[in-house]
Amino acid sequence: IVATILRIPSAEGRHKAFSTCVSHLTVVVVHYGFASVIYLKP
């Protein structure tokens, strides 16, 4: 996705494409961040 967005010529187009992913990406970071603390703790 990032590789494709970087090839979009306009800044507005890049922002519009990435904005559709922000909420999902944020939830993924929260979900796997806490999961990694539980399953990968020393």
All heavy atoms as atom14 arrays in JSON, in Angstrom:
{
  "sequence": "IVATILRIPSAEGRHKAFSTCVSHLTVVVVHYGFASVIYLKP",
  "atom14_mask": [
    [1, 1, 1, 1, 1, 1, 1, 1, 0, 0, 0, 0, 0, 0],
    [1, 1, 1, 1, 1, 1, 1, 0, 0, 0, 0, 0, 0, 0],
    [1, 1, 1, 1, 1, 0, 0, 0, 0, 0, 0, 0, 0, 0],
    [1, 1, 1, 1, 1, 1, 1, 0, 0, 0, 0, 0, 0, 0],
    [1, 1, 1, 1, 1, 1, 1, 1, 0, 0, 0, 0, 0, 0],
    [1, 1, 1, 1, 1, 1, 1, 1, 0, 0, 0, 0, 0, 0],
    [1, 1, 1, 1, 1, 1, 1, 1, 1, 1, 1, 0, 0, 0],
    [1, 1, 1, 1, 1, 1, 1, 1, 0, 0, 0, 0, 0, 0],
    [1, 1, 1, 1, 1, 1, 1, 0, 0, 0, 0, 0, 0, 0],
    [1, 1, 1, 1, 1, 1, 0, 0, 0, 0, 0, 0, 0, 0],
    [1, 1, 1, 1, 1, 0, 0, 0, 0, 0, 0, 0, 0, 0],
    [1, 1, 1, 1, 1, 1, 1, 1, 1, 0, 0, 0, 0, 0],
    [1, 1, 1, 1, 0, 0, 0, 0, 0, 0, 0, 0, 0, 0],
    [1, 1, 1, 1, 1, 1, 1, 1, 1, 1, 1, 0, 0, 0],
    [1, 1, 1, 1, 1, 1, 1, 1, 1, 1, 0, 0, 0, 0],
    [1, 1, 1, 1, 1, 1, 1, 1, 1, 0, 0, 0, 0, 0],
    [1, 1, 1, 1, 1, 0, 0, 0, 0, 0, 0, 0, 0, 0],
    [1, 1, 1, 1, 1, 1, 1, 1, 1, 1, 1, 0, 0, 0],
    [1, 1, 1, 1, 1, 1, 0, 0, 0, 0, 0, 0, 0, 0],
    [1, 1, 1, 1, 1, 1, 1, 0, 0, 0, 0, 0, 0, 0],
    [1, 1, 1, 1, 1, 1, 0, 0, 0, 0, 0, 0, 0, 0],
    [1, 1, 1, 1, 1, 1, 1, 0, 0, 0, 0, 0, 0, 0],
    [1, 1, 1, 1, 1, 1, 0, 0, 0, 0, 0, 0, 0, 0],
    [1, 1, 1, 1, 1, 1, 1, 1, 1, 1, 0, 0, 0, 0],
    [1, 1, 1, 1, 1, 1, 1, 1, 0, 0, 0, 0, 0, 0],
    [1, 1, 1, 1, 1, 1, 1, 0, 0, 0, 0, 0, 0, 0],
    [1, 1, 1, 1, 1, 1, 1, 0, 0, 0, 0, 0, 0, 0],
    [1, 1, 1, 1, 1, 1, 1, 0, 0, 0, 0, 0, 0, 0],
    [1, 1, 1, 1, 1, 1, 1, 0, 0, 0, 0, 0, 0, 0],
    [1, 1, 1, 1, 1, 1, 1, 0, 0, 0, 0, 0, 0, 0],
    [1, 1, 1, 1, 1, 1, 1, 1, 1, 1, 0, 0, 0, 0],
    [1, 1, 1, 1, 1, 1, 1, 1, 1, 1, 1, 1, 0, 0],
    [1, 1, 1, 1, 0, 0, 0, 0, 0, 0, 0, 0, 0, 0],
    [1, 1, 1, 1, 1, 1, 1, 1, 1, 1, 1, 0, 0, 0],
    [1, 1, 1, 1, 1, 0, 0, 0, 0, 0, 0, 0, 0, 0],
    [1, 1, 1, 1, 1, 1, 0, 0, 0, 0, 0, 0, 0, 0],
    [1, 1, 1, 1, 1, 1, 1, 0, 0, 0, 0, 0, 0, 0],
    [1, 1, 1, 1, 1, 1, 1, 1, 0, 0, 0, 0, 0, 0],
    [1, 1, 1, 1, 1, 1, 1, 1, 1, 1, 1, 1, 0, 0],
    [1, 1, 1, 1, 1, 1, 1, 1, 0, 0, 0, 0, 0, 0],
    [1, 1, 1, 1, 1, 1, 1, 1, 1, 0, 0, 0, 0, 0],
    [1, 1, 1, 1, 1, 1, 1, 0, 0, 0, 0, 0, 0, 0]
  ],
  "atom14_positions": [
    [[0.84, -1.2, 0.0], [0.0, 0.0, 0.0], [0.87, 1.26, 0.0], [0.64, 2.19, -0.78], [-0.94, -0.01, 1.22], [-2.06, -1.05, 1.02], [-1.55, 1.37, 1.46], [-2.9, -1.3, 2.25], [0.0, 0.0, 0.0], [0.0, 0.0, 0.0], [0.0, 0.0, 0.0], [0.0, 0.0, 0.0], [0.0, 0.0, 0.0], [0.0, 0.0, 0.0]],
    [[1.89, 1.28, 0.87], [2.78, 2.44, 0.94], [3.51, 2.65, -0.38], [3.62, 3.78, -0.88], [3.78, 2.27, 2.1], [4.86, 3.35, 2.03], [3.06, 2.34, 3.44], [0.0, 0.0, 0.0], [0.0, 0.0, 0.0], [0.0, 0.0, 0.0], [0.0, 0.0, 0.0], [0.0, 0.0, 0.0], [0.0, 0.0, 0.0], [0.0, 0.0, 0.0]],
    [[3.98, 1.55, -0.98], [4.69, 1.66, -2.27], [3.76, 2.22, -3.34], [4.19, 3.05, -4.17], [5.2, 0.28, -2.69], [0.0, 0.0, 0.0], [0.0, 0.0, 0.0], [0.0, 0.0, 0.0], [0.0, 0.0, 0.0], [0.0, 0.0, 0.0], [0.0, 0.0, 0.0], [0.0, 0.0, 0.0], [0.0, 0.0, 0.0], [0.0, 0.0, 0.0]],
    [[2.51, 1.81, -3.34], [1.54, 2.31, -4.33], [1.21, 3.76, -4.07], [1.12, 4.58, -5.0], [0.25, 1.46, -4.29], [0.58, 0.1, -4.58], [-0.76, 1.97, -5.29], [0.0, 0.0, 0.0], [0.0, 0.0, 0.0], [0.0, 0.0, 0.0], [0.0, 0.0, 0.0], [0.0, 0.0, 0.0], [0.0, 0.0, 0.0], [0.0, 0.0, 0.0]],
    [[1.0, 4.14, -2.79], [0.65, 5.52, -2.46], [1.77, 6.48, -2.85], [1.52, 7.6, -3.33], [0.31, 5.64, -0.95], [-1.03, 4.95, -0.66], [0.27, 7.1, -0.51], [-1.4, 4.92, 0.81], [0.0, 0.0, 0.0], [0.0, 0.0, 0.0], [0.0, 0.0, 0.0], [0.0, 0.0, 0.0], [0.0, 0.0, 0.0], [0.0, 0.0, 0.0]],
    [[3.01, 6.07, -2.65], [4.15, 6.94, -2.98], [4.25, 7.21, -4.48], [4.87, 8.2, -4.89], [5.45, 6.32, -2.47], [5.62, 6.28, -0.95], [6.9, 5.57, -0.57], [5.6, 7.69, -0.36], [0.0, 0.0, 0.0], [0.0, 0.0, 0.0], [0.0, 0.0, 0.0], [0.0, 0.0, 0.0], [0.0, 0.0, 0.0], [0.0, 0.0, 0.0]],
    [[3.64, 6.35, -5.28], [3.66, 6.56, -6.74], [2.53, 7.46, -7.21], [2.48, 7.82, -8.39], [3.58, 5.21, -7.45], [4.84, 4.35, -7.32], [4.89, 3.26, -8.37], [3.8, 2.29, -8.18], [3.91, 1.17, -7.47], [5.06, 0.89, -6.86], [2.9, 0.34, -7.36], [0.0, 0.0, 0.0], [0.0, 0.0, 0.0], [0.0, 0.0, 0.0]],
    [[1.61, 7.82, -6.33], [0.52, 8.74, -6.7], [1.11, 10.15, -6.82], [1.75, 10.65, -5.89], [-0.6, 8.71, -5.64], [-1.22, 7.31, -5.56], [-1.68, 9.74, -5.97], [-2.26, 7.15, -4.48], [0.0, 0.0, 0.0], [0.0, 0.0, 0.0], [0.0, 0.0, 0.0], [0.0, 0.0, 0.0], [0.0, 0.0, 0.0], [0.0, 0.0, 0.0]],
    [[0.91, 10.83, -7.96], [1.6, 12.11, -8.18], [1.14, 13.24, -7.28], [1.95, 14.06, -6.84], [1.28, 12.42, -9.66], [0.07, 11.61, -9.98], [0.14, 10.38, -9.13], [0.0, 0.0, 0.0], [0.0, 0.0, 0.0], [0.0, 0.0, 0.0], [0.0, 0.0, 0.0], [0.0, 0.0, 0.0], [0.0, 0.0, 0.0], [0.0, 0.0, 0.0]],
    [[-0.15, 13.33, -6.97], [-0.66, 14.47, -6.21], [-0.67, 14.18, -4.72], [-0.94, 13.06, -4.28], [-2.07, 14.84, -6.67], [-2.98, 13.82, -6.32], [0.0, 0.0, 0.0], [0.0, 0.0, 0.0], [0.0, 0.0, 0.0], [0.0, 0.0, 0.0], [0.0, 0.0, 0.0], [0.0, 0.0, 0.0], [0.0, 0.0, 0.0], [0.0, 0.0, 0.0]],
    [[-0.39, 15.23, -3.92], [-0.43, 15.09, -2.47], [-1.84, 14.8, -1.99], [-2.05, 14.04, -1.03], [0.1, 16.36, -1.81], [0.0, 0.0, 0.0], [0.0, 0.0, 0.0], [0.0, 0.0, 0.0], [0.0, 0.0, 0.0], [0.0, 0.0, 0.0], [0.0, 0.0, 0.0], [0.0, 0.0, 0.0], [0.0, 0.0, 0.0], [0.0, 0.0, 0.0]],
    [[-2.83, 15.41, -2.66], [-4.22, 15.18, -2.29], [-4.62, 13.72, -2.52], [-5.32, 13.11, -1.69], [-5.13, 16.1, -3.09], [-6.6, 15.97, -2.71], [-7.48, 16.87, -3.58], [-6.94, 17.69, -4.36], [-8.72, 16.76, -3.45], [0.0, 0.0, 0.0], [0.0, 0.0, 0.0], [0.0, 0.0, 0.0], [0.0, 0.0, 0.0], [0.0, 0.0, 0.0]],
    [[-4.16, 13.16, -3.62], [-4.45, 11.75, -3.91], [-3.8, 10.82, -2.91], [-4.42, 9.83, -2.48], [0.0, 0.0, 0.0], [0.0, 0.0, 0.0], [0.0, 0.0, 0.0], [0.0, 0.0, 0.0], [0.0, 0.0, 0.0], [0.0, 0.0, 0.0], [0.0, 0.0, 0.0], [0.0, 0.0, 0.0], [0.0, 0.0, 0.0], [0.0, 0.0, 0.0]],
    [[-2.56, 11.14, -2.52], [-1.87, 10.3, -1.52], [-2.6, 10.36, -0.18], [-2.77, 9.34, 0.49], [-0.41, 10.75, -1.37], [0.47, 10.45, -2.58], [1.94, 10.62, -2.24], [2.27, 12.01, -1.91], [2.64, 12.92, -2.81], [2.73, 12.59, -4.09], [2.93, 14.15, -2.43], [0.0, 0.0, 0.0], [0.0, 0.0, 0.0], [0.0, 0.0, 0.0]],
    [[-3.0, 11.58, 0.2], [-3.71, 11.74, 1.48], [-5.04, 11.0, 1.47], [-5.42, 10.34, 2.46], [-3.93, 13.22, 1.77], [-4.67, 13.48, 3.04], [-6.04, 13.63, 3.1], [-4.23, 13.6, 4.33], [-6.42, 13.83, 4.35], [-5.35, 13.82, 5.12], [0.0, 0.0, 0.0], [0.0, 0.0, 0.0], [0.0, 0.0, 0.0], [0.0, 0.0, 0.0]],
    [[-5.77, 11.11, 0.37], [-7.07, 10.45, 0.27], [-6.93, 8.93, 0.34], [-7.72, 8.25, 1.02], [-7.75, 10.84, -1.04], [-9.17, 10.3, -1.19], [-9.8, 10.78, -2.48], [-11.21, 10.21, -2.63], [-11.84, 10.66, -3.9], [0.0, 0.0, 0.0], [0.0, 0.0, 0.0], [0.0, 0.0, 0.0], [0.0, 0.0, 0.0], [0.0, 0.0, 0.0]],
    [[-5.91, 8.39, -0.31], [-5.7, 6.94, -0.29], [-5.31, 6.45, 1.09], [-5.84, 5.45, 1.58], [-4.63, 6.55, -1.31], [0.0, 0.0, 0.0], [0.0, 0.0, 0.0], [0.0, 0.0, 0.0], [0.0, 0.0, 0.0], [0.0, 0.0, 0.0], [0.0, 0.0, 0.0], [0.0, 0.0, 0.0], [0.0, 0.0, 0.0], [0.0, 0.0, 0.0]],
    [[-4.4, 7.2, 1.73], [-3.92, 6.75, 3.05], [-4.99, 6.93, 4.12], [-5.03, 6.17, 5.1], [-2.65, 7.51, 3.44], [-2.01, 6.98, 4.69], [-1.39, 5.75, 4.7], [-2.06, 7.72, 5.87], [-0.8, 5.25, 5.86], [-1.48, 7.23, 7.03], [-0.84, 5.99, 7.02], [0.0, 0.0, 0.0], [0.0, 0.0, 0.0], [0.0, 0.0, 0.0]],
    [[-5.86, 7.93, 3.96], [-6.88, 8.2, 4.99], [-7.85, 7.04, 5.14], [-8.46, 6.87, 6.21], [-7.65, 9.48, 4.64], [-8.38, 9.31, 3.43], [0.0, 0.0, 0.0], [0.0, 0.0, 0.0], [0.0, 0.0, 0.0], [0.0, 0.0, 0.0], [0.0, 0.0, 0.0], [0.0, 0.0, 0.0], [0.0, 0.0, 0.0], [0.0, 0.0, 0.0]],
    [[-8.02, 6.22, 4.09], [-8.92, 5.06, 4.19], [-8.32, 3.94, 5.04], [-9.02, 3.0, 5.4], [-9.26, 4.51, 2.8], [-8.06, 4.01, 2.18], [-9.89, 5.57, 1.91], [0.0, 0.0, 0.0], [0.0, 0.0, 0.0], [0.0, 0.0, 0.0], [0.0, 0.0, 0.0], [0.0, 0.0, 0.0], [0.0, 0.0, 0.0], [0.0, 0.0, 0.0]],
    [[-7.02, 4.05, 5.35], [-6.33, 2.99, 6.1], [-6.03, 3.37, 7.55], [-5.65, 2.49, 8.34], [-4.99, 2.66, 5.42], [-5.1, 2.24, 3.68], [0.0, 0.0, 0.0], [0.0, 0.0, 0.0], [0.0, 0.0, 0.0], [0.0, 0.0, 0.0], [0.0, 0.0, 0.0], [0.0, 0.0, 0.0], [0.0, 0.0, 0.0], [0.0, 0.0, 0.0]],
    [[-6.18, 4.65, 7.89], [-5.69, 5.13, 9.18], [-6.36, 4.42, 10.35], [-5.68, 3.97, 11.29], [-5.89, 6.66, 9.29], [-5.58, 7.14, 10.71], [-5.0, 7.37, 8.3], [0.0, 0.0, 0.0], [0.0, 0.0, 0.0], [0.0, 0.0, 0.0], [0.0, 0.0, 0.0], [0.0, 0.0, 0.0], [0.0, 0.0, 0.0], [0.0, 0.0, 0.0]],
    [[-7.69, 4.32, 10.32], [-8.4, 3.72, 11.46], [-8.02, 2.25, 11.63], [-7.75, 1.8, 12.76], [-9.91, 3.85, 11.27], [-10.34, 3.25, 10.06], [0.0, 0.0, 0.0], [0.0, 0.0, 0.0], [0.0, 0.0, 0.0], [0.0, 0.0, 0.0], [0.0, 0.0, 0.0], [0.0, 0.0, 0.0], [0.0, 0.0, 0.0], [0.0, 0.0, 0.0]],
    [[-7.95, 1.51, 10.51], [-7.57, 0.1, 10.59], [-6.15, -0.05, 11.1], [-5.87, -0.89, 11.98], [-7.71, -0.57, 9.22], [-7.19, -1.97, 9.18], [-5.96, -2.27, 8.61], [-7.68, -3.14, 9.65], [-5.74, -3.57, 8.72], [-6.77, -4.12, 9.34], [0.0, 0.0, 0.0], [0.0, 0.0, 0.0], [0.0, 0.0, 0.0], [0.0, 0.0, 0.0]],
    [[-5.24, 0.75, 10.59], [-3.83, 0.66, 10.98], [-3.67, 0.99, 12.46], [-2.88, 0.34, 13.17], [-3.0, 1.6, 10.12], [-1.48, 1.51, 10.26], [-0.99, 0.1, 9.96], [-0.8, 2.51, 9.35], [0.0, 0.0, 0.0], [0.0, 0.0, 0.0], [0.0, 0.0, 0.0], [0.0, 0.0, 0.0], [0.0, 0.0, 0.0], [0.0, 0.0, 0.0]],
    [[-4.41, 1.97, 12.95], [-4.33, 2.34, 14.37], [-4.8, 1.2, 15.26], [-4.17, 0.87, 16.28], [-5.17, 3.6, 14.64], [-4.78, 4.65, 13.75], [-4.99, 4.07, 16.09], [0.0, 0.0, 0.0], [0.0, 0.0, 0.0], [0.0, 0.0, 0.0], [0.0, 0.0, 0.0], [0.0, 0.0, 0.0], [0.0, 0.0, 0.0], [0.0, 0.0, 0.0]],
    [[-5.93, 0.57, 14.89], [-6.45, -0.56, 15.68], [-5.46, -1.73, 15.64], [-5.26, -2.42, 16.65], [-7.83, -0.99, 15.14], [-8.27, -2.31, 15.77], [-8.86, 0.08, 15.45], [0.0, 0.0, 0.0], [0.0, 0.0, 0.0], [0.0, 0.0, 0.0], [0.0, 0.0, 0.0], [0.0, 0.0, 0.0], [0.0, 0.0, 0.0], [0.0, 0.0, 0.0]],
    [[-4.84, -1.97, 14.5], [-3.85, -3.04, 14.38], [-2.68, -2.79, 15.33], [-2.22, -3.71, 16.03], [-3.35, -3.16, 12.92], [-2.09, -4.02, 12.85], [-4.43, -3.76, 12.04], [0.0, 0.0, 0.0], [0.0, 0.0, 0.0], [0.0, 0.0, 0.0], [0.0, 0.0, 0.0], [0.0, 0.0, 0.0], [0.0, 0.0, 0.0], [0.0, 0.0, 0.0]],
    [[-2.19, -1.56, 15.37], [-1.06, -1.23, 16.24], [-1.44, -1.45, 17.71], [-0.67, -2.04, 18.48], [-0.61, 0.23, 16.01], [0.39, 0.66, 17.08], [0.0, 0.38, 14.63], [0.0, 0.0, 0.0], [0.0, 0.0, 0.0], [0.0, 0.0, 0.0], [0.0, 0.0, 0.0], [0.0, 0.0, 0.0], [0.0, 0.0, 0.0], [0.0, 0.0, 0.0]],
    [[-2.64, -1.01, 18.1], [-3.09, -1.19, 19.48], [-3.25, -2.67, 19.79], [-2.78, -3.17, 20.83], [-4.43, -0.44, 19.71], [-5.02, -0.8, 21.08], [-4.21, 1.07, 19.61], [0.0, 0.0, 0.0], [0.0, 0.0, 0.0], [0.0, 0.0, 0.0], [0.0, 0.0, 0.0], [0.0, 0.0, 0.0], [0.0, 0.0, 0.0], [0.0, 0.0, 0.0]],
    [[-3.93, -3.41, 18.9], [-4.21, -4.83, 19.11], [-2.93, -5.65, 19.24], [-2.75, -6.39, 20.21], [-5.06, -5.35, 17.95], [-5.37, -6.81, 18.03], [-6.35, -7.33, 18.83], [-4.82, -7.88, 17.38], [-6.41, -8.64, 18.7], [-5.49, -9.0, 17.82], [0.0, 0.0, 0.0], [0.0, 0.0, 0.0], [0.0, 0.0, 0.0], [0.0, 0.0, 0.0]],
    [[-2.03, -5.5, 18.28], [-0.81, -6.3, 18.29], [0.21, -5.76, 19.28], [1.09, -6.51, 19.74], [-0.22, -6.4, 16.89], [-0.99, -7.36, 16.03], [-1.93, -6.9, 15.11], [-0.83, -8.73, 16.16], [-2.66, -7.78, 14.34], [-1.55, -9.62, 15.39], [-2.47, -9.15, 14.49], [-3.22, -10.02, 13.73], [0.0, 0.0, 0.0], [0.0, 0.0, 0.0]],
    [[0.12, -4.47, 19.61], [1.01, -3.93, 20.63], [0.77, -4.58, 21.97], [1.7, -5.05, 22.64], [0.0, 0.0, 0.0], [0.0, 0.0, 0.0], [0.0, 0.0, 0.0], [0.0, 0.0, 0.0], [0.0, 0.0, 0.0], [0.0, 0.0, 0.0], [0.0, 0.0, 0.0], [0.0, 0.0, 0.0], [0.0, 0.0, 0.0], [0.0, 0.0, 0.0]],
    [[-0.51, -4.65, 22.38], [-0.84, -5.29, 23.65], [-0.62, -6.81, 23.58], [-0.18, -7.43, 24.55], [-2.28, -4.99, 24.05], [-2.49, -3.59, 24.55], [-3.54, -2.81, 24.1], [-1.62, -3.04, 25.49], [-3.73, -1.52, 24.59], [-1.81, -1.75, 25.98], [-2.87, -0.99, 25.52], [0.0, 0.0, 0.0], [0.0, 0.0, 0.0], [0.0, 0.0, 0.0]],
    [[-0.94, -7.42, 22.43], [-0.76, -8.87, 22.29], [0.72, -9.24, 22.39], [1.07, -10.26, 23.0], [-1.33, -9.35, 20.96], [0.0, 0.0, 0.0], [0.0, 0.0, 0.0], [0.0, 0.0, 0.0], [0.0, 0.0, 0.0], [0.0, 0.0, 0.0], [0.0, 0.0, 0.0], [0.0, 0.0, 0.0], [0.0, 0.0, 0.0], [0.0, 0.0, 0.0]],
    [[1.6, -8.41, 21.82], [3.04, -8.71, 21.88], [3.56, -8.63, 23.31], [4.44, -9.4, 23.7], [3.82, -7.75, 20.98], [3.69, -6.41, 21.45], [0.0, 0.0, 0.0], [0.0, 0.0, 0.0], [0.0, 0.0, 0.0], [0.0, 0.0, 0.0], [0.0, 0.0, 0.0], [0.0, 0.0, 0.0], [0.0, 0.0, 0.0], [0.0, 0.0, 0.0]],
    [[3.0, -7.71, 24.09], [3.41, -7.6, 25.5], [3.06, -8.89, 26.25], [3.82, -9.36, 27.11], [2.73, -6.39, 26.16], [2.95, -6.4, 27.67], [3.27, -5.09, 25.57], [0.0, 0.0, 0.0], [0.0, 0.0, 0.0], [0.0, 0.0, 0.0], [0.0, 0.0, 0.0], [0.0, 0.0, 0.0], [0.0, 0.0, 0.0], [0.0, 0.0, 0.0]],
    [[1.93, -9.49, 25.89], [1.48, -10.69, 26.6], [2.25, -11.92, 26.14], [2.78, -12.69, 26.94], [-0.04, -10.91, 26.36], [-0.82, -9.68, 26.81], [-0.52, -12.16, 27.08], [-0.57, -9.26, 28.23], [0.0, 0.0, 0.0], [0.0, 0.0, 0.0], [0.0, 0.0, 0.0], [0.0, 0.0, 0.0], [0.0, 0.0, 0.0], [0.0, 0.0, 0.0]],
    [[2.34, -12.12, 24.82], [2.88, -13.38, 24.3], [4.4, -13.37, 24.11], [5.02, -14.42, 24.06], [2.21, -13.73, 22.96], [0.78, -14.19, 23.13], [-0.28, -13.34, 22.88], [0.49, -15.49, 23.55], [-1.6, -13.75, 23.05], [-0.82, -15.91, 23.72], [-1.85, -15.04, 23.46], [-3.15, -15.46, 23.62], [0.0, 0.0, 0.0], [0.0, 0.0, 0.0]],
    [[4.98, -12.18, 23.98], [6.41, -12.1, 23.7], [7.2, -11.54, 24.87], [8.37, -11.19, 24.71], [6.66, -11.24, 22.45], [5.98, -11.72, 21.16], [6.3, -10.76, 20.02], [6.42, -13.15, 20.81], [0.0, 0.0, 0.0], [0.0, 0.0, 0.0], [0.0, 0.0, 0.0], [0.0, 0.0, 0.0], [0.0, 0.0, 0.0], [0.0, 0.0, 0.0]],
    [[6.57, -11.44, 26.06], [7.3, -10.92, 27.21], [8.39, -11.9, 27.62], [8.23, -13.12, 27.5], [6.35, -10.64, 28.37], [5.65, -11.85, 28.93], [4.68, -11.46, 30.04], [3.95, -12.68, 30.59], [2.98, -12.33, 31.63], [0.0, 0.0, 0.0], [0.0, 0.0, 0.0], [0.0, 0.0, 0.0], [0.0, 0.0, 0.0], [0.0, 0.0, 0.0]],
    [[9.53, -11.41, 28.12], [10.63, -12.31, 28.5], [10.24, -13.2, 29.66], [9.48, -12.82, 30.54], [11.76, -11.34, 28.88], [11.06, -10.07, 29.24], [9.86, -10.0, 28.35], [0.0, 0.0, 0.0], [0.0, 0.0, 0.0], [0.0, 0.0, 0.0], [0.0, 0.0, 0.0], [0.0, 0.0, 0.0], [0.0, 0.0, 0.0], [0.0, 0.0, 0.0]]
  ]
}
